[in-house]
Amino acid sequence: MRGASAPPVAALAALAATAAAGEDAVAGLPSFEVCLAREVAIYERTLRHWMAGPRAEEFMIGDVSGIEYCGTVGIVACDRSDAPLPCQRDLAARQDTVSAAVRASLPPASEVAGRAGEWSDALYPQLLALAEGASAGPDCAGQTEVMETWCAAREANARLRDAALAWQLARYLGAAQDAVTAGWAGVPPPLRPRARPEETL
């Protein structure tokens, strides 16, 4: 595992507690942490299915739209809350905490073997560099407070997507732990069964 310092244990424990809460109490939407746990579980399930199958088709890697969706759900929940701006600032901080934990769980490029001449040989070092990239500057500066806060939450989600993309490839290559074991995502709560529509005679 990487030598980078992991986020404070207390911060990750707080995120896990948020995930355990299930649905966002204010907006009636899944919390960001619950949404993230579900997306990670979907990826793990897809990866297991592909690894166990005949591999007749190329495994689809590089789709982090679900994580972007979770960031959007978080922003919508904040917009529906009583304090949208503090909520979005907190959302940005929570996403950055998870991003730091993802990056800390990634192996260095020297420890990741590609698949002998395939696209993965060169891709992981590039994705790792992208995940660890430094900001070119204050991307959200010069906006109104509302737009700057929204922008900051979106940029935090972009950093998380970059880190998650590198993790996806590392998982595909068998070089990284699953997110639950690594500690940056929780186990998603069970889905509530949908009520059956009443039958009419």
Protein backbone atom coordinates (compact mmCIF):
# COMPACT_ATOMS: atom_id res chain seq x y z
CA MET A 1 0.00 0.00 0.00
CA ARG A 2 1.06 3.60 -0.48
CA GLY A 3 3.14 5.37 2.11
CA ALA A 4 0.89 8.45 2.09
CA SER A 5 -0.75 9.22 5.39
CA ALA A 6 -4.35 8.11 5.57
CA PRO A 7 -7.13 10.49 6.63
CA PRO A 8 -7.82 10.67 10.37
CA VAL A 9 -9.59 7.58 11.64
CA ALA A 10 -12.18 9.78 13.33
CA ALA A 11 -13.08 11.38 10.00
CA LEU A 12 -13.63 8.04 8.31
CA ALA A 13 -15.59 6.79 11.31
CA ALA A 14 -17.86 9.80 11.02
CA LEU A 15 -18.43 9.05 7.35
CA ALA A 16 -19.25 5.44 8.20
CA ALA A 17 -21.79 6.65 10.74
CA THR A 18 -23.37 8.83 8.09
CA ALA A 19 -23.57 5.85 5.74
CA ALA A 20 -25.22 3.76 8.43
CA ALA A 21 -27.95 6.38 8.71
CA GLY A 22 -29.25 5.31 5.31
CA GLU A 23 -31.41 8.03 3.86
CA ASP A 24 -30.75 11.74 4.21
CA ALA A 25 -33.09 13.00 6.91
CA VAL A 26 -33.57 16.41 5.26
CA ALA A 27 -34.13 15.63 1.61
CA GLY A 28 -35.36 12.06 1.60
CA LEU A 29 -32.44 11.17 -0.70
CA PRO A 30 -29.68 8.64 -0.07
CA SER A 31 -26.77 10.26 1.73
CA PHE A 32 -23.61 10.75 -0.29
CA GLU A 33 -21.93 7.95 1.66
CA VAL A 34 -24.78 5.50 1.07
CA CYS A 35 -24.85 6.37 -2.62
CA LEU A 36 -21.08 5.85 -2.86
CA ALA A 37 -21.32 2.50 -1.06
CA ARG A 38 -23.96 1.35 -3.55
CA GLU A 39 -21.90 2.42 -6.57
CA VAL A 40 -18.79 0.67 -5.26
CA ALA A 41 -20.82 -2.48 -4.59
CA ILE A 42 -22.14 -2.39 -8.16
CA TYR A 43 -18.59 -2.17 -9.50
CA GLU A 44 -17.42 -5.07 -7.31
CA ARG A 45 -20.37 -7.21 -8.40
CA THR A 46 -19.72 -6.45 -12.07
CA LEU A 47 -16.02 -7.23 -11.68
CA ARG A 48 -16.70 -10.55 -9.92
CA HIS A 49 -19.16 -11.56 -12.64
CA TRP A 50 -16.66 -10.77 -15.37
CA MET A 51 -13.78 -12.57 -13.63
CA ALA A 52 -15.93 -15.70 -13.16
CA GLY A 53 -17.23 -15.75 -16.72
CA PRO A 54 -15.77 -16.78 -20.05
CA ARG A 55 -14.48 -13.22 -20.66
CA ALA A 56 -15.90 -13.18 -24.14
CA GLU A 57 -16.33 -9.42 -23.88
CA GLU A 58 -13.95 -6.70 -22.81
CA PHE A 59 -14.50 -5.56 -19.25
CA MET A 60 -15.85 -2.02 -19.18
CA ILE A 61 -13.50 0.11 -17.11
CA GLY A 62 -13.47 3.83 -16.65
CA ASP A 63 -17.10 4.58 -15.88
CA VAL A 64 -17.31 6.81 -12.81
CA SER A 65 -20.62 8.39 -13.75
CA GLY A 66 -22.19 6.74 -10.70
CA ILE A 67 -19.82 8.61 -8.40
CA GLU A 68 -20.65 11.84 -10.21
CA TYR A 69 -24.31 11.01 -9.64
CA CYS A 70 -23.62 10.63 -5.91
CA GLY A 71 -22.03 14.06 -5.82
CA THR A 72 -25.05 15.50 -7.62
CA VAL A 73 -27.42 13.80 -5.18
CA GLY A 74 -25.45 15.38 -2.35
CA ILE A 75 -25.77 18.83 -3.90
CA VAL A 76 -29.50 18.39 -4.44
CA ALA A 77 -29.90 17.29 -0.82
CA CYS A 78 -28.05 20.42 0.27
CA ASP A 79 -30.24 22.62 -1.93
CA ARG A 80 -33.30 21.19 -0.18
CA SER A 81 -31.83 21.68 3.29
CA ASP A 82 -32.25 24.64 5.62
CA ALA A 83 -28.61 25.70 5.16
CA PRO A 84 -27.53 24.96 1.57
CA LEU A 85 -24.14 26.71 1.60
CA PRO A 86 -22.75 25.20 4.83
CA CYS A 87 -24.14 21.85 3.67
CA GLN A 88 -22.31 22.06 0.34
CA ARG A 89 -19.08 23.10 2.04
CA ASP A 90 -19.40 20.06 4.29
CA LEU A 91 -20.16 17.86 1.26
CA ALA A 92 -17.00 19.08 -0.46
CA ALA A 93 -14.95 18.31 2.66
CA ARG A 94 -16.49 14.84 2.97
CA GLN A 95 -15.72 14.04 -0.64
CA ASP A 96 -12.13 15.21 -0.21
CA THR A 97 -11.81 12.99 2.88
CA VAL A 98 -12.90 9.98 0.84
CA SER A 99 -10.60 10.97 -2.06
CA ALA A 100 -7.63 11.11 0.31
CA ALA A 101 -8.53 7.67 1.64
CA VAL A 102 -8.83 6.24 -1.89
CA ARG A 103 -5.44 7.67 -2.86
CA ALA A 104 -3.87 6.29 0.33
CA SER A 105 -5.15 2.82 -0.60
CA LEU A 106 -3.66 2.83 -4.10
CA PRO A 107 -0.45 0.91 -4.75
CA PRO A 108 2.47 2.69 -6.44
CA ALA A 109 2.79 2.13 -10.16
CA SER A 110 5.95 0.06 -9.65
CA GLU A 111 3.90 -2.58 -7.80
CA VAL A 112 1.17 -2.94 -10.41
CA ALA A 113 1.80 -5.40 -13.20
CA GLY A 114 -0.22 -4.87 -16.33
CA ARG A 115 -1.68 -7.57 -18.51
CA ALA A 116 1.31 -8.29 -20.76
CA GLY A 117 1.14 -5.91 -23.66
CA GLU A 118 -2.43 -4.81 -23.08
CA TRP A 119 -3.72 -1.30 -22.59
CA SER A 120 -3.46 -1.65 -18.80
CA ASP A 121 0.37 -1.68 -18.88
CA ALA A 122 0.66 2.06 -19.42
CA LEU A 123 -2.74 3.20 -18.21
CA TYR A 124 -2.40 2.69 -14.45
CA PRO A 125 0.62 5.01 -14.06
CA GLN A 126 -1.29 7.67 -15.98
CA LEU A 127 -4.44 7.28 -13.88
CA LEU A 128 -2.38 7.34 -10.69
CA ALA A 129 -0.70 10.57 -11.79
CA LEU A 130 -4.12 12.03 -12.58
CA ALA A 131 -5.47 11.03 -9.17
CA GLU A 132 -2.49 12.63 -7.43
CA GLY A 133 -2.42 15.72 -9.64
CA ALA A 134 -2.18 19.13 -8.03
CA SER A 135 -4.71 21.83 -8.72
CA ALA A 136 -3.75 24.46 -11.25
CA GLY A 137 -5.34 27.14 -9.07
CA PRO A 138 -8.56 28.26 -7.43
CA ASP A 139 -10.94 26.98 -10.11
CA CYS A 140 -14.01 28.38 -8.37
CA ALA A 141 -12.74 31.87 -7.55
CA GLY A 142 -14.49 34.99 -8.82
CA GLN A 143 -18.04 33.65 -8.61
CA THR A 144 -20.89 34.60 -6.37
CA GLU A 145 -20.86 32.84 -2.99
CA VAL A 146 -23.63 30.52 -4.10
CA MET A 147 -21.89 29.53 -7.35
CA GLU A 148 -18.47 29.30 -5.72
CA THR A 149 -19.81 26.91 -3.07
CA TRP A 150 -21.59 24.79 -5.70
CA CYS A 151 -18.42 24.78 -7.81
CA ALA A 152 -16.30 23.66 -4.84
CA ALA A 153 -18.60 20.68 -4.25
CA ARG A 154 -18.39 19.76 -7.94
CA GLU A 155 -14.60 20.07 -8.01
CA ALA A 156 -14.34 17.86 -4.93
CA ASN A 157 -16.41 15.27 -6.77
CA ALA A 158 -14.09 15.53 -9.78
CA ARG A 159 -11.11 14.77 -7.54
CA LEU A 160 -12.95 11.78 -6.14
CA ARG A 161 -13.78 10.53 -9.64
CA ASP A 162 -10.10 10.72 -10.61
CA ALA A 163 -9.09 8.73 -7.53
CA ALA A 164 -11.88 6.19 -8.05
CA LEU A 165 -10.85 5.69 -11.67
CA ALA A 166 -7.32 4.71 -10.61
CA TRP A 167 -8.80 2.41 -7.95
CA GLN A 168 -11.05 0.70 -10.51
CA LEU A 169 -8.08 -0.23 -12.66
CA ALA A 170 -6.01 -1.32 -9.67
CA ARG A 171 -8.91 -3.58 -8.59
CA TYR A 172 -9.22 -4.96 -12.11
CA LEU A 173 -5.51 -5.83 -12.03
CA GLY A 174 -5.82 -7.43 -8.59
CA ALA A 175 -3.50 -4.84 -7.04
CA ALA A 176 -5.83 -3.00 -4.64
CA GLN A 177 -8.15 -3.93 -1.82
CA ASP A 178 -11.89 -3.61 -2.14
CA ALA A 179 -13.21 -0.29 -0.86
CA VAL A 180 -14.85 -1.72 2.27
CA THR A 181 -11.65 -3.47 3.36
CA ALA A 182 -9.62 -0.36 2.55
CA GLY A 183 -12.00 1.64 4.71
CA TRP A 184 -13.17 4.35 2.33
CA ALA A 185 -16.64 2.96 1.57
CA GLY A 186 -19.19 1.22 3.71
CA VAL A 187 -21.45 -1.73 3.06
CA PRO A 188 -24.62 -0.36 1.47
CA PRO A 189 -27.81 -0.84 3.45
CA PRO A 190 -30.22 -3.40 2.02
CA LEU A 191 -32.63 -2.05 -0.53
CA ARG A 192 -36.16 -1.62 0.68
CA PRO A 193 -38.58 -3.91 -1.13
CA ARG A 194 -40.94 -2.06 -3.41
CA ALA A 195 -44.59 -2.28 -2.60
CA ARG A 196 -46.55 -4.23 -5.17
CA PRO A 197 -49.25 -2.26 -6.91
CA GLU A 198 -52.71 -3.26 -5.82
CA GLU A 199 -54.36 -5.62 -8.23
CA THR A 200 -57.62 -4.46 -9.66
CA LEU A 201 -60.35 -6.91 -10.58
